[in-house]
Every structure is written in C-alpha cells, then in structure tokens.
Amino acid sequence: GLLQLSQLLHFAYFGSLIAPHEVGLFFHEQGEIWESLAGVA
C-alpha cells in the first residue's frame, strides 16, 4: 500500500512518476512534502 499510495499521491500532486533520484528527498524534505500535500488535500 505504501508503494502504491506514494506513487499515486506523487502523480496527483506533481503530475509525474517518482524518479529513483527523488526517493532520497523524502528523508530531508519531509516537512515541505507534508505541507504541500496538506495544501492540495
């Protein structure tokens, strides 16, 4: 579920699929990520 949901939420927000080099951003940009998702809930 986490694999699927993260991809679908990423596409819903960014309009693109998760790139391998983007995975690392989750670990040091979590605050910005959750704030962005909350803004387009």
Full PDB file with SEQRES, HELIX, SHEET, SSBOND, CRYST1, ORIGX, SCALE, CONECT and MASTER records, all heavy atoms in Angstrom:
SEQRES   1 A   41  GLY LEU LEU GLN LEU SER GLN LEU LEU HIS PHE ALA TYR          
SEQRES   2 A   41  PHE GLY SER LEU ILE ALA PRO HIS GLU VAL GLY LEU PHE          
SEQRES   3 A   41  PHE HIS GLU GLN GLY GLU ILE TRP GLU SER LEU ALA GLY          
SEQRES   4 A   41  VAL ALA                                                      
HELIX    1 AA1 LEU A    2  PHE A   14  1                                  13    
HELIX    2 AA2 PRO A   20  GLU A   22  5                                   3    
HELIX    3 AA3 LEU A   25  HIS A   28  1                                   4    
HELIX    4 AA4 GLN A   30  GLY A   39  1                                  10    
CRYST1    1.000    1.000    1.000  90.00  90.00  90.00 P 1           1          
ORIGX1      1.000000  0.000000  0.000000        0.00000                         
ORIGX2      0.000000  1.000000  0.000000        0.00000                         
ORIGX3      0.000000  0.000000  1.000000        0.00000                         
SCALE1      1.000000  0.000000  0.000000        0.00000                         
SCALE2      0.000000  1.000000  0.000000        0.00000                         
SCALE3      0.000000  0.000000  1.000000        0.00000                         
ATOM      1  N   GLY A   1       0.810  -1.216   0.000  1.00  0.00           N  
ATOM      2  CA  GLY A   1       0.000   0.000   0.000  1.00  0.00           C  
ATOM      3  C   GLY A   1       0.839   1.261   0.000  1.00  0.00           C  
ATOM      4  O   GLY A   1       0.525   2.238  -0.696  1.00  0.00           O  
ATOM      5  N   LEU A   2       1.940   1.255   0.784  1.00  0.00           N  
ATOM      6  CA  LEU A   2       2.815   2.432   0.812  1.00  0.00           C  
ATOM      7  C   LEU A   2       3.472   2.659  -0.539  1.00  0.00           C  
ATOM      8  O   LEU A   2       3.621   3.806  -0.989  1.00  0.00           O  
ATOM      9  CB  LEU A   2       3.882   2.263   1.897  1.00  0.00           C  
ATOM     10  CG  LEU A   2       3.396   2.407   3.341  1.00  0.00           C  
ATOM     11  CD1 LEU A   2       4.518   2.075   4.323  1.00  0.00           C  
ATOM     12  CD2 LEU A   2       2.888   3.823   3.591  1.00  0.00           C  
ATOM     13  N   LEU A   3       3.887   1.572  -1.200  1.00  0.00           N  
ATOM     14  CA  LEU A   3       4.477   1.705  -2.525  1.00  0.00           C  
ATOM     15  C   LEU A   3       3.484   2.347  -3.493  1.00  0.00           C  
ATOM     16  O   LEU A   3       3.813   3.289  -4.228  1.00  0.00           O  
ATOM     17  CB  LEU A   3       4.910   0.346  -3.068  1.00  0.00           C  
ATOM     18  CG  LEU A   3       6.101  -0.347  -2.394  1.00  0.00           C  
ATOM     19  CD1 LEU A   3       6.391  -1.680  -3.064  1.00  0.00           C  
ATOM     20  CD2 LEU A   3       7.355   0.528  -2.427  1.00  0.00           C  
ATOM     21  N   GLN A   4       2.261   1.824  -3.487  1.00  0.00           N  
ATOM     22  CA  GLN A   4       1.258   2.328  -4.430  1.00  0.00           C  
ATOM     23  C   GLN A   4       0.817   3.748  -4.087  1.00  0.00           C  
ATOM     24  O   GLN A   4       0.738   4.614  -4.965  1.00  0.00           O  
ATOM     25  CB  GLN A   4       0.045   1.395  -4.442  1.00  0.00           C  
ATOM     26  CG  GLN A   4       0.314   0.075  -5.137  1.00  0.00           C  
ATOM     27  CD  GLN A   4      -0.946  -0.778  -5.205  1.00  0.00           C  
ATOM     28  OE1 GLN A   4      -1.434  -1.232  -4.187  1.00  0.00           O  
ATOM     29  NE2 GLN A   4      -1.456  -0.993  -6.393  1.00  0.00           N  
ATOM     30  N   LEU A   5       0.527   3.979  -2.810  1.00  0.00           N  
ATOM     31  CA  LEU A   5      -0.012   5.277  -2.421  1.00  0.00           C  
ATOM     32  C   LEU A   5       1.001   6.399  -2.663  1.00  0.00           C  
ATOM     33  O   LEU A   5       0.643   7.481  -3.139  1.00  0.00           O  
ATOM     34  CB  LEU A   5      -0.427   5.267  -0.947  1.00  0.00           C  
ATOM     35  CG  LEU A   5      -1.171   6.518  -0.456  1.00  0.00           C  
ATOM     36  CD1 LEU A   5      -2.465   6.716  -1.228  1.00  0.00           C  
ATOM     37  CD2 LEU A   5      -1.449   6.418   1.036  1.00  0.00           C  
ATOM     38  N   SER A   6       2.269   6.143  -2.357  1.00  0.00           N  
ATOM     39  CA  SER A   6       3.278   7.185  -2.572  1.00  0.00           C  
ATOM     40  C   SER A   6       3.384   7.545  -4.055  1.00  0.00           C  
ATOM     41  O   SER A   6       3.508   8.726  -4.403  1.00  0.00           O  
ATOM     42  CB  SER A   6       4.641   6.722  -2.032  1.00  0.00           C  
ATOM     43  OG  SER A   6       5.058   5.520  -2.675  1.00  0.00           O  
ATOM     44  N   GLN A   7       3.300   6.556  -4.919  1.00  0.00           N  
ATOM     45  CA  GLN A   7       3.380   6.840  -6.358  1.00  0.00           C  
ATOM     46  C   GLN A   7       2.156   7.614  -6.836  1.00  0.00           C  
ATOM     47  O   GLN A   7       2.271   8.600  -7.582  1.00  0.00           O  
ATOM     48  CB  GLN A   7       3.485   5.524  -7.137  1.00  0.00           C  
ATOM     49  CG  GLN A   7       3.751   5.680  -8.617  1.00  0.00           C  
ATOM     50  CD  GLN A   7       5.164   6.135  -8.911  1.00  0.00           C  
ATOM     51  OE1 GLN A   7       5.385   7.296  -9.238  1.00  0.00           O  
ATOM     52  NE2 GLN A   7       6.129   5.238  -8.776  1.00  0.00           N  
ATOM     53  N   LEU A   8       0.972   7.177  -6.413  1.00  0.00           N  
ATOM     54  CA  LEU A   8      -0.252   7.827  -6.867  1.00  0.00           C  
ATOM     55  C   LEU A   8      -0.377   9.242  -6.313  1.00  0.00           C  
ATOM     56  O   LEU A   8      -0.814  10.158  -7.018  1.00  0.00           O  
ATOM     57  CB  LEU A   8      -1.469   6.984  -6.466  1.00  0.00           C  
ATOM     58  CG  LEU A   8      -1.563   5.608  -7.133  1.00  0.00           C  
ATOM     59  CD1 LEU A   8      -2.772   4.840  -6.597  1.00  0.00           C  
ATOM     60  CD2 LEU A   8      -1.645   5.718  -8.642  1.00  0.00           C  
ATOM     61  N   LEU A   9       0.024   9.444  -5.048  1.00  0.00           N  
ATOM     62  CA  LEU A   9      -0.016  10.795  -4.484  1.00  0.00           C  
ATOM     63  C   LEU A   9       0.998  11.706  -5.172  1.00  0.00           C  
ATOM     64  O   LEU A   9       0.729  12.882  -5.417  1.00  0.00           O  
ATOM     65  CB  LEU A   9       0.251  10.756  -2.980  1.00  0.00           C  
ATOM     66  CG  LEU A   9      -0.834  10.121  -2.104  1.00  0.00           C  
ATOM     67  CD1 LEU A   9      -0.418  10.165  -0.643  1.00  0.00           C  
ATOM     68  CD2 LEU A   9      -2.178  10.815  -2.285  1.00  0.00           C  
ATOM     69  N   HIS A  10       2.164  11.156  -5.478  1.00  0.00           N  
ATOM     70  CA  HIS A  10       3.182  11.929  -6.185  1.00  0.00           C  
ATOM     71  C   HIS A  10       2.652  12.371  -7.542  1.00  0.00           C  
ATOM     72  O   HIS A  10       2.816  13.528  -7.946  1.00  0.00           O  
ATOM     73  CB  HIS A  10       4.452  11.082  -6.360  1.00  0.00           C  
ATOM     74  CG  HIS A  10       5.616  11.825  -6.934  1.00  0.00           C  
ATOM     75  ND1 HIS A  10       5.749  12.071  -8.286  1.00  0.00           N  
ATOM     76  CD2 HIS A  10       6.707  12.390  -6.340  1.00  0.00           C  
ATOM     77  CE1 HIS A  10       6.872  12.736  -8.502  1.00  0.00           C  
ATOM     78  NE2 HIS A  10       7.479  12.947  -7.343  1.00  0.00           N  
ATOM     79  N   PHE A  11       2.004  11.456  -8.237  1.00  0.00           N  
ATOM     80  CA  PHE A  11       1.466  11.805  -9.561  1.00  0.00           C  
ATOM     81  C   PHE A  11       0.333  12.814  -9.433  1.00  0.00           C  
ATOM     82  O   PHE A  11       0.219  13.744 -10.236  1.00  0.00           O  
ATOM     83  CB  PHE A  11       0.977  10.555 -10.288  1.00  0.00           C  
ATOM     84  CG  PHE A  11       0.744  10.792 -11.756  1.00  0.00           C  
ATOM     85  CD1 PHE A  11       1.750  10.577 -12.675  1.00  0.00           C  
ATOM     86  CD2 PHE A  11      -0.482  11.258 -12.220  1.00  0.00           C  
ATOM     87  CE1 PHE A  11       1.551  10.821 -14.028  1.00  0.00           C  
ATOM     88  CE2 PHE A  11      -0.692  11.506 -13.563  1.00  0.00           C  
ATOM     89  CZ  PHE A  11       0.328  11.289 -14.467  1.00  0.00           C  
ATOM     90  N   ALA A  12      -0.511  12.622  -8.423  1.00  0.00           N  
ATOM     91  CA  ALA A  12      -1.632  13.549  -8.233  1.00  0.00           C  
ATOM     92  C   ALA A  12      -1.146  14.968  -7.964  1.00  0.00           C  
ATOM     93  O   ALA A  12      -1.756  15.944  -8.411  1.00  0.00           O  
ATOM     94  CB  ALA A  12      -2.517  13.068  -7.078  1.00  0.00           C  
ATOM     95  N   TYR A  13      -0.014  15.091  -7.272  1.00  0.00           N  
ATOM     96  CA  TYR A  13       0.496  16.423  -6.928  1.00  0.00           C  
ATOM     97  C   TYR A  13       1.406  16.990  -8.017  1.00  0.00           C  
ATOM     98  O   TYR A  13       1.219  18.116  -8.485  1.00  0.00           O  
ATOM     99  CB  TYR A  13       1.245  16.381  -5.604  1.00  0.00           C  
ATOM    100  CG  TYR A  13       1.762  17.745  -5.183  1.00  0.00           C  
ATOM    101  CD1 TYR A  13       0.888  18.710  -4.696  1.00  0.00           C  
ATOM    102  CD2 TYR A  13       3.110  18.070  -5.291  1.00  0.00           C  
ATOM    103  CE1 TYR A  13       1.343  19.969  -4.324  1.00  0.00           C  
ATOM    104  CE2 TYR A  13       3.574  19.322  -4.923  1.00  0.00           C  
ATOM    105  CZ  TYR A  13       2.686  20.265  -4.441  1.00  0.00           C  
ATOM    106  OH  TYR A  13       3.143  21.511  -4.077  1.00  0.00           O  
ATOM    107  N   PHE A  14       2.402  16.195  -8.429  1.00  0.00           N  
ATOM    108  CA  PHE A  14       3.413  16.700  -9.358  1.00  0.00           C  
ATOM    109  C   PHE A  14       3.057  16.451 -10.824  1.00  0.00           C  
ATOM    110  O   PHE A  14       3.611  17.088 -11.721  1.00  0.00           O  
ATOM    111  CB  PHE A  14       4.778  16.057  -9.074  1.00  0.00           C  
ATOM    112  CG  PHE A  14       5.378  16.468  -7.763  1.00  0.00           C  
ATOM    113  CD1 PHE A  14       5.338  15.617  -6.676  1.00  0.00           C  
ATOM    114  CD2 PHE A  14       5.982  17.703  -7.618  1.00  0.00           C  
ATOM    115  CE1 PHE A  14       5.898  15.981  -5.462  1.00  0.00           C  
ATOM    116  CE2 PHE A  14       6.541  18.085  -6.406  1.00  0.00           C  
ATOM    117  CZ  PHE A  14       6.501  17.219  -5.323  1.00  0.00           C  
ATOM    118  N   GLY A  15       2.156  15.496 -11.074  1.00  0.00           N  
ATOM    119  CA  GLY A  15       1.854  15.153 -12.457  1.00  0.00           C  
ATOM    120  C   GLY A  15       2.929  14.309 -13.115  1.00  0.00           C  
ATOM    121  O   GLY A  15       2.989  14.200 -14.334  1.00  0.00           O  
ATOM    122  N   SER A  16       3.796  13.701 -12.307  1.00  0.00           N  
ATOM    123  CA  SER A  16       4.869  12.869 -12.848  1.00  0.00           C  
ATOM    124  C   SER A  16       5.112  11.690 -11.916  1.00  0.00           C  
ATOM    125  O   SER A  16       4.704  11.692 -10.757  1.00  0.00           O  
ATOM    126  CB  SER A  16       6.161  13.680 -13.011  1.00  0.00           C  
ATOM    127  OG  SER A  16       6.614  14.151 -11.752  1.00  0.00           O  
ATOM    128  N   LEU A  17       5.808  10.683 -12.428  1.00  0.00           N  
ATOM    129  CA  LEU A  17       6.118   9.487 -11.654  1.00  0.00           C  
ATOM    130  C   LEU A  17       7.384   9.700 -10.829  1.00  0.00           C  
ATOM    131  O   LEU A  17       8.242  10.513 -11.175  1.00  0.00           O  
ATOM    132  CB  LEU A  17       6.294   8.295 -12.592  1.00  0.00           C  
ATOM    133  CG  LEU A  17       5.065   7.959 -13.446  1.00  0.00           C  
ATOM    134  CD1 LEU A  17       5.431   6.950 -14.534  1.00  0.00           C  
ATOM    135  CD2 LEU A  17       3.938   7.406 -12.578  1.00  0.00           C  
ATOM    136  N   ILE A  18       7.503   8.954  -9.746  1.00  0.00           N  
ATOM    137  CA  ILE A  18       8.657   9.094  -8.863  1.00  0.00           C  
ATOM    138  C   ILE A  18       9.913   8.621  -9.582  1.00  0.00           C  
ATOM    139  O   ILE A  18       9.969   7.505 -10.115  1.00  0.00           O  
ATOM    140  CB  ILE A  18       8.458   8.287  -7.573  1.00  0.00           C  
ATOM    141  CG1 ILE A  18       7.286   8.851  -6.764  1.00  0.00           C  
ATOM    142  CG2 ILE A  18       9.725   8.297  -6.723  1.00  0.00           C  
ATOM    143  CD1 ILE A  18       6.937   8.019  -5.545  1.00  0.00           C  
ATOM    144  N   ALA A  19      10.928   9.468  -9.574  1.00  0.00           N  
ATOM    145  CA  ALA A  19      12.217   9.105 -10.151  1.00  0.00           C  
ATOM    146  C   ALA A  19      13.105   8.500  -9.080  1.00  0.00           C  
ATOM    147  O   ALA A  19      13.008   8.871  -7.907  1.00  0.00           O  
ATOM    148  CB  ALA A  19      12.887  10.340 -10.738  1.00  0.00           C  
ATOM    149  N   PRO A  20      13.983   7.566  -9.442  1.00  0.00           N  
ATOM    150  CA  PRO A  20      14.870   6.962  -8.437  1.00  0.00           C  
ATOM    151  C   PRO A  20      15.659   7.996  -7.643  1.00  0.00           C  
ATOM    152  O   PRO A  20      15.846   7.840  -6.435  1.00  0.00           O  
ATOM    153  CB  PRO A  20      15.794   6.090  -9.289  1.00  0.00           C  
ATOM    154  CG  PRO A  20      14.967   5.726 -10.475  1.00  0.00           C  
ATOM    155  CD  PRO A  20      14.133   6.935 -10.761  1.00  0.00           C  
ATOM    156  N   HIS A  21      16.111   9.070  -8.302  1.00  0.00           N  
ATOM    157  CA  HIS A  21      16.915  10.071  -7.613  1.00  0.00           C  
ATOM    158  C   HIS A  21      16.075  10.954  -6.685  1.00  0.00           C  
ATOM    159  O   HIS A  21      16.625  11.718  -5.897  1.00  0.00           O  
ATOM    160  CB  HIS A  21      17.635  10.953  -8.637  1.00  0.00           C  
ATOM    161  CG  HIS A  21      18.615  10.200  -9.485  1.00  0.00           C  
ATOM    162  ND1 HIS A  21      19.861   9.840  -9.034  1.00  0.00           N  
ATOM    163  CD2 HIS A  21      18.528   9.717 -10.746  1.00  0.00           C  
ATOM    164  CE1 HIS A  21      20.511   9.190  -9.984  1.00  0.00           C  
ATOM    165  NE2 HIS A  21      19.722   9.104 -11.031  1.00  0.00           N  
ATOM    166  N   GLU A  22      14.750  10.852  -6.786  1.00  0.00           N  
ATOM    167  CA  GLU A  22      13.884  11.652  -5.930  1.00  0.00           C  
ATOM    168  C   GLU A  22      13.593  10.992  -4.592  1.00  0.00           C  
ATOM    169  O   GLU A  22      13.148  11.659  -3.647  1.00  0.00           O  
ATOM    170  CB  GLU A  22      12.545  11.926  -6.627  1.00  0.00           C  
ATOM    171  CG  GLU A  22      12.616  12.918  -7.774  1.00  0.00           C  
ATOM    172  CD  GLU A  22      11.232  13.173  -8.348  1.00  0.00           C  
ATOM    173  OE1 GLU A  22      10.623  12.213  -8.848  1.00  0.00           O  
ATOM    174  OE2 GLU A  22      10.768  14.317  -8.286  1.00  0.00           O  
ATOM    175  N   VAL A  23      13.806   9.693  -4.488  1.00  0.00           N  
ATOM    176  CA  VAL A  23      13.434   8.968  -3.277  1.00  0.00           C  
ATOM    177  C   VAL A  23      14.147   9.549  -2.062  1.00  0.00           C  
ATOM    178  O   VAL A  23      13.555   9.712  -0.990  1.00  0.00           O  
ATOM    179  CB  VAL A  23      13.753   7.466  -3.426  1.00  0.00           C  
ATOM    180  CG1 VAL A  23      13.477   6.723  -2.117  1.00  0.00           C  
ATOM    181  CG2 VAL A  23      12.926   6.859  -4.565  1.00  0.00           C  
ATOM    182  N   GLY A  24      15.415   9.909  -2.224  1.00  0.00           N  
ATOM    183  CA  GLY A  24      16.181  10.446  -1.116  1.00  0.00           C  
ATOM    184  C   GLY A  24      15.656  11.765  -0.587  1.00  0.00           C  
ATOM    185  O   GLY A  24      15.906  12.123   0.578  1.00  0.00           O  
ATOM    186  N   LEU A  25      14.920  12.517  -1.425  1.00  0.00           N  
ATOM    187  CA  LEU A  25      14.387  13.802  -0.976  1.00  0.00           C  
ATOM    188  C   LEU A  25      13.417  13.642   0.187  1.00  0.00           C  
ATOM    189  O   LEU A  25      13.273  14.542   1.012  1.00  0.00           O  
ATOM    190  CB  LEU A  25      13.679  14.515  -2.139  1.00  0.00           C  
ATOM    191  CG  LEU A  25      14.548  14.931  -3.324  1.00  0.00           C  
ATOM    192  CD1 LEU A  25      13.679  15.538  -4.421  1.00  0.00           C  
ATOM    193  CD2 LEU A  25      15.616  15.918  -2.885  1.00  0.00           C  
ATOM    194  N   PHE A  26      12.745  12.493   0.234  1.00  0.00           N  
ATOM    195  CA  PHE A  26      11.753  12.263   1.285  1.00  0.00           C  
ATOM    196  C   PHE A  26      12.376  12.366   2.676  1.00  0.00           C  
ATOM    197  O   PHE A  26      11.731  12.814   3.624  1.00  0.00           O  
ATOM    198  CB  PHE A  26      11.104  10.897   1.100  1.00  0.00           C  
ATOM    199  CG  PHE A  26      10.132  10.543   2.194  1.00  0.00           C  
ATOM    200  CD1 PHE A  26       8.853  11.072   2.190  1.00  0.00           C  
ATOM    201  CD2 PHE A  26      10.495   9.697   3.232  1.00  0.00           C  
ATOM    202  CE1 PHE A  26       7.951  10.769   3.201  1.00  0.00           C  
ATOM    203  CE2 PHE A  26       9.604   9.379   4.245  1.00  0.00           C  
ATOM    204  CZ  PHE A  26       8.322   9.921   4.230  1.00  0.00           C  
ATOM    205  N   PHE A  27      13.648  11.989   2.792  1.00  0.00           N  
ATOM    206  CA  PHE A  27      14.267  11.899   4.117  1.00  0.00           C  
ATOM    207  C   PHE A  27      14.765  13.245   4.637  1.00  0.00           C  
ATOM    208  O   PHE A  27      15.026  13.377   5.826  1.00  0.00           O  
ATOM    209  CB  PHE A  27      15.415  10.885   4.075  1.00  0.00           C  
ATOM    210  CG  PHE A  27      14.948   9.497   3.745  1.00  0.00           C  
ATOM    211  CD1 PHE A  27      15.058   9.011   2.454  1.00  0.00           C  
ATOM    212  CD2 PHE A  27      14.367   8.696   4.713  1.00  0.00           C  
ATOM    213  CE1 PHE A  27      14.612   7.732   2.141  1.00  0.00           C  
ATOM    214  CE2 PHE A  27      13.918   7.421   4.408  1.00  0.00           C  
ATOM    215  CZ  PHE A  27      14.043   6.940   3.115  1.00  0.00           C  
ATOM    216  N   HIS A  28      14.922  14.237   3.746  1.00  0.00           N  
ATOM    217  CA  HIS A  28      15.364  15.534   4.263  1.00  0.00           C  
ATOM    218  C   HIS A  28      14.459  16.686   3.835  1.00  0.00           C  
ATOM    219  O   HIS A  28      14.786  17.837   4.073  1.00  0.00           O  
ATOM    220  CB  HIS A  28      16.814  15.818   3.869  1.00  0.00           C  
ATOM    221  CG  HIS A  28      17.076  15.794   2.392  1.00  0.00           C  
ATOM    222  ND1 HIS A  28      16.857  16.884   1.583  1.00  0.00           N  
ATOM    223  CD2 HIS A  28      17.552  14.809   1.596  1.00  0.00           C  
ATOM    224  CE1 HIS A  28      17.202  16.576   0.351  1.00  0.00           C  
ATOM    225  NE2 HIS A  28      17.614  15.338   0.327  1.00  0.00           N  
ATOM    226  N   GLU A  29      13.307  16.356   3.231  1.00  0.00           N  
ATOM    227  CA  GLU A  29      12.341  17.400   2.887  1.00  0.00           C  
ATOM    228  C   GLU A  29      10.937  17.004   3.338  1.00  0.00           C  
ATOM    229  O   GLU A  29       9.942  17.380   2.737  1.00  0.00           O  
ATOM    230  CB  GLU A  29      12.352  17.672   1.380  1.00  0.00           C  
ATOM    231  CG  GLU A  29      13.654  18.285   0.886  1.00  0.00           C  
ATOM    232  CD  GLU A  29      13.589  18.657  -0.585  1.00  0.00           C  
ATOM    233  OE1 GLU A  29      12.483  18.607  -1.164  1.00  0.00           O  
ATOM    234  OE2 GLU A  29      14.643  18.992  -1.158  1.00  0.00           O  
ATOM    235  N   GLN A  30      10.858  16.214   4.424  1.00  0.00           N  
ATOM    236  CA  GLN A  30       9.563  15.699   4.850  1.00  0.00           C  
ATOM    237  C   GLN A  30       8.592  16.815   5.203  1.00  0.00           C  
ATOM    238  O   GLN A  30       7.413  16.766   4.830  1.00  0.00           O  
ATOM    239  CB  GLN A  30       9.742  14.775   6.059  1.00  0.00           C  
ATOM    240  CG  GLN A  30      10.323  13.428   5.706  1.00  0.00           C  
ATOM    241  CD  GLN A  30      10.198  12.438   6.837  1.00  0.00           C  
ATOM    242  OE1 GLN A  30       9.194  12.441   7.561  1.00  0.00           O  
ATOM    243  NE2 GLN A  30      11.191  11.586   7.002  1.00  0.00           N  
ATOM    244  N   GLY A  31       9.076  17.834   5.931  1.00  0.00           N  
ATOM    245  CA  GLY A  31       8.180  18.923   6.324  1.00  0.00           C  
ATOM    246  C   GLY A  31       7.546  19.592   5.127  1.00  0.00           C  
ATOM    247  O   GLY A  31       6.331  19.832   5.091  1.00  0.00           O  
ATOM    248  N   GLU A  32       8.363  19.885   4.106  1.00  0.00           N  
ATOM    249  CA  GLU A  32       7.852  20.538   2.899  1.00  0.00           C  
ATOM    250  C   GLU A  32       6.886  19.635   2.147  1.00  0.00           C  
ATOM    251  O   GLU A  32       5.870  20.079   1.614  1.00  0.00           O  
ATOM    252  CB  GLU A  32       9.026  20.922   1.999  1.00  0.00           C  
ATOM    253  CG  GLU A  32       8.610  21.659   0.732  1.00  0.00           C  
ATOM    254  CD  GLU A  32       9.801  22.043  -0.120  1.00  0.00           C  
ATOM    255  OE1 GLU A  32      10.927  22.098   0.418  1.00  0.00           O  
ATOM    256  OE2 GLU A  32       9.601  22.284  -1.318  1.00  0.00           O  
ATOM    257  N   ILE A  33       7.197  18.332   2.119  1.00  0.00           N  
ATOM    258  CA  ILE A  33       6.343  17.378   1.410  1.00  0.00           C  
ATOM    259  C   ILE A  33       4.958  17.315   2.047  1.00  0.00           C  
ATOM    260  O   ILE A  33       3.933  17.431   1.366  1.00  0.00           O  
ATOM    261  CB  ILE A  33       7.001  15.978   1.394  1.00  0.00           C  
ATOM    262  CG1 ILE A  33       8.240  15.995   0.491  1.00  0.00           C  
ATOM    263  CG2 ILE A  33       5.998  14.924   0.915  1.00  0.00           C  
ATOM    264  CD1 ILE A  33       9.074  14.728   0.583  1.00  0.00           C  
ATOM    265  N   TRP A  34       4.914  17.141   3.363  1.00  0.00           N  
ATOM    266  CA  TRP A  34       3.614  17.027   4.027  1.00  0.00           C  
ATOM    267  C   TRP A  34       2.837  18.333   3.977  1.00  0.00           C  
ATOM    268  O   TRP A  34       1.612  18.336   3.826  1.00  0.00           O  
ATOM    269  CB  TRP A  34       3.801  16.577   5.481  1.00  0.00           C  
ATOM    270  CG  TRP A  34       4.321  15.179   5.601  1.00  0.00           C  
ATOM    271  CD1 TRP A  34       5.501  14.782   6.142  1.00  0.00           C  
ATOM    272  CD2 TRP A  34       3.684  13.980   5.130  1.00  0.00           C  
ATOM    273  NE1 TRP A  34       5.650  13.423   6.047  1.00  0.00           N  
ATOM    274  CE2 TRP A  34       4.547  12.894   5.431  1.00  0.00           C  
ATOM    275  CE3 TRP A  34       2.481  13.712   4.479  1.00  0.00           C  
ATOM    276  CZ2 TRP A  34       4.249  11.586   5.109  1.00  0.00           C  
ATOM    277  CZ3 TRP A  34       2.170  12.397   4.166  1.00  0.00           C  
ATOM    278  CH2 TRP A  34       3.047  11.353   4.476  1.00  0.00           C  
ATOM    279  N   GLU A  35       3.545  19.452   4.064  1.00  0.00           N  
ATOM    280  CA  GLU A  35       2.873  20.748   3.957  1.00  0.00           C  
ATOM    281  C   GLU A  35       2.256  20.925   2.573  1.00  0.00           C  
ATOM    282  O   GLU A  35       1.129  21.412   2.433  1.00  0.00           O  
ATOM    283  CB  GLU A  35       3.877  21.866   4.238  1.00  0.00           C  
ATOM    284  CG  GLU A  35       3.243  23.262   4.205  1.00  0.00           C  
ATOM    285  CD  GLU A  35       4.264  24.355   4.471  1.00  0.00           C  
ATOM    286  OE1 GLU A  35       5.422  24.028   4.812  1.00  0.00           O  
ATOM    287  OE2 GLU A  35       3.897  25.537   4.350  1.00  0.00           O  
ATOM    288  N   SER A  36       2.984  20.502   1.543  1.00  0.00           N  
ATOM    289  CA  SER A  36       2.479  20.621   0.183  1.00  0.00           C  
ATOM    290  C   SER A  36       1.258  19.736  -0.035  1.00  0.00           C  
ATOM    291  O   SER A  36       0.254  20.155  -0.621  1.00  0.00           O  
ATOM    292  CB  SER A  36       3.581  20.240  -0.818  1.00  0.00           C  
ATOM    293  OG  SER A  36       4.689  21.114  -0.695  1.00  0.00           O  
ATOM    294  N   LEU A  37       1.342  18.504   0.468  1.00  0.00           N  
ATOM    295  CA  LEU A  37       0.209  17.582   0.305  1.00  0.00           C  
ATOM    296  C   LEU A  37      -1.027  18.085   1.047  1.00  0.00           C  
ATOM    297  O   LEU A  37      -2.144  17.980   0.542  1.00  0.00           O  
ATOM    298  CB  LEU A  37       0.598  16.187   0.806  1.00  0.00           C  
ATOM    299  CG  LEU A  37       1.618  15.417  -0.037  1.00  0.00           C  
ATOM    300  CD1 LEU A  37       1.952  14.093   0.621  1.00  0.00           C  
ATOM    301  CD2 LEU A  37       1.108  15.184  -1.451  1.00  0.00           C  
ATOM    302  N   ALA A  38      -0.816  18.639   2.237  1.00  0.00           N  
ATOM    303  CA  ALA A  38      -1.954  19.153   3.010  1.00  0.00           C  
ATOM    304  C   ALA A  38      -2.639  20.302   2.278  1.00  0.00           C  
ATOM    305  O   ALA A  38      -3.864  20.472   2.350  1.00  0.00           O  
ATOM    306  CB  ALA A  38      -1.488  19.615   4.391  1.00  0.00           C  
ATOM    307  N   GLY A  39      -1.854  21.076   1.551  1.00  0.00           N  
ATOM    308  CA  GLY A  39      -2.416  22.218   0.839  1.00  0.00           C  
ATOM    309  C   GLY A  39      -3.276  21.842  -0.347  1.00  0.00           C  
ATOM    310  O   GLY A  39      -4.056  22.656  -0.833  1.00  0.00           O  
ATOM    311  N   VAL A  40      -3.104  20.620  -0.839  1.00  0.00           N  
ATOM    312  CA  VAL A  40      -3.901  20.174  -2.003  1.00  0.00           C  
ATOM    313  C   VAL A  40      -4.642  18.885  -1.662  1.00  0.00           C  
ATOM    314  O   VAL A  40      -4.827  18.017  -2.516  1.00  0.00           O  
ATOM    315  CB  VAL A  40      -3.003  19.976  -3.244  1.00  0.00           C  
ATOM    316  CG1 VAL A  40      -2.486  21.298  -3.757  1.00  0.00           C  
ATOM    317  CG2 VAL A  40      -1.834  19.029  -2.929  1.00  0.00           C  
ATOM    318  N   ALA A  41      -5.058  18.773  -0.415  1.00  0.00           N  
ATOM    319  CA  ALA A  41      -5.694  17.546   0.069  1.00  0.00           C  
ATOM    320  C   ALA A  41      -6.844  17.057  -0.817  1.00  0.00           C  
ATOM    321  O   ALA A  41      -6.976  15.845  -1.041  1.00  0.00           O  
ATOM    322  CB  ALA A  41      -6.164  17.752   1.506  1.00  0.00           C  
TER     323      ALA A  41                                                      
MASTER        0    0    0    4    0    0    0    6  322    1    0    4          
END                                                                             
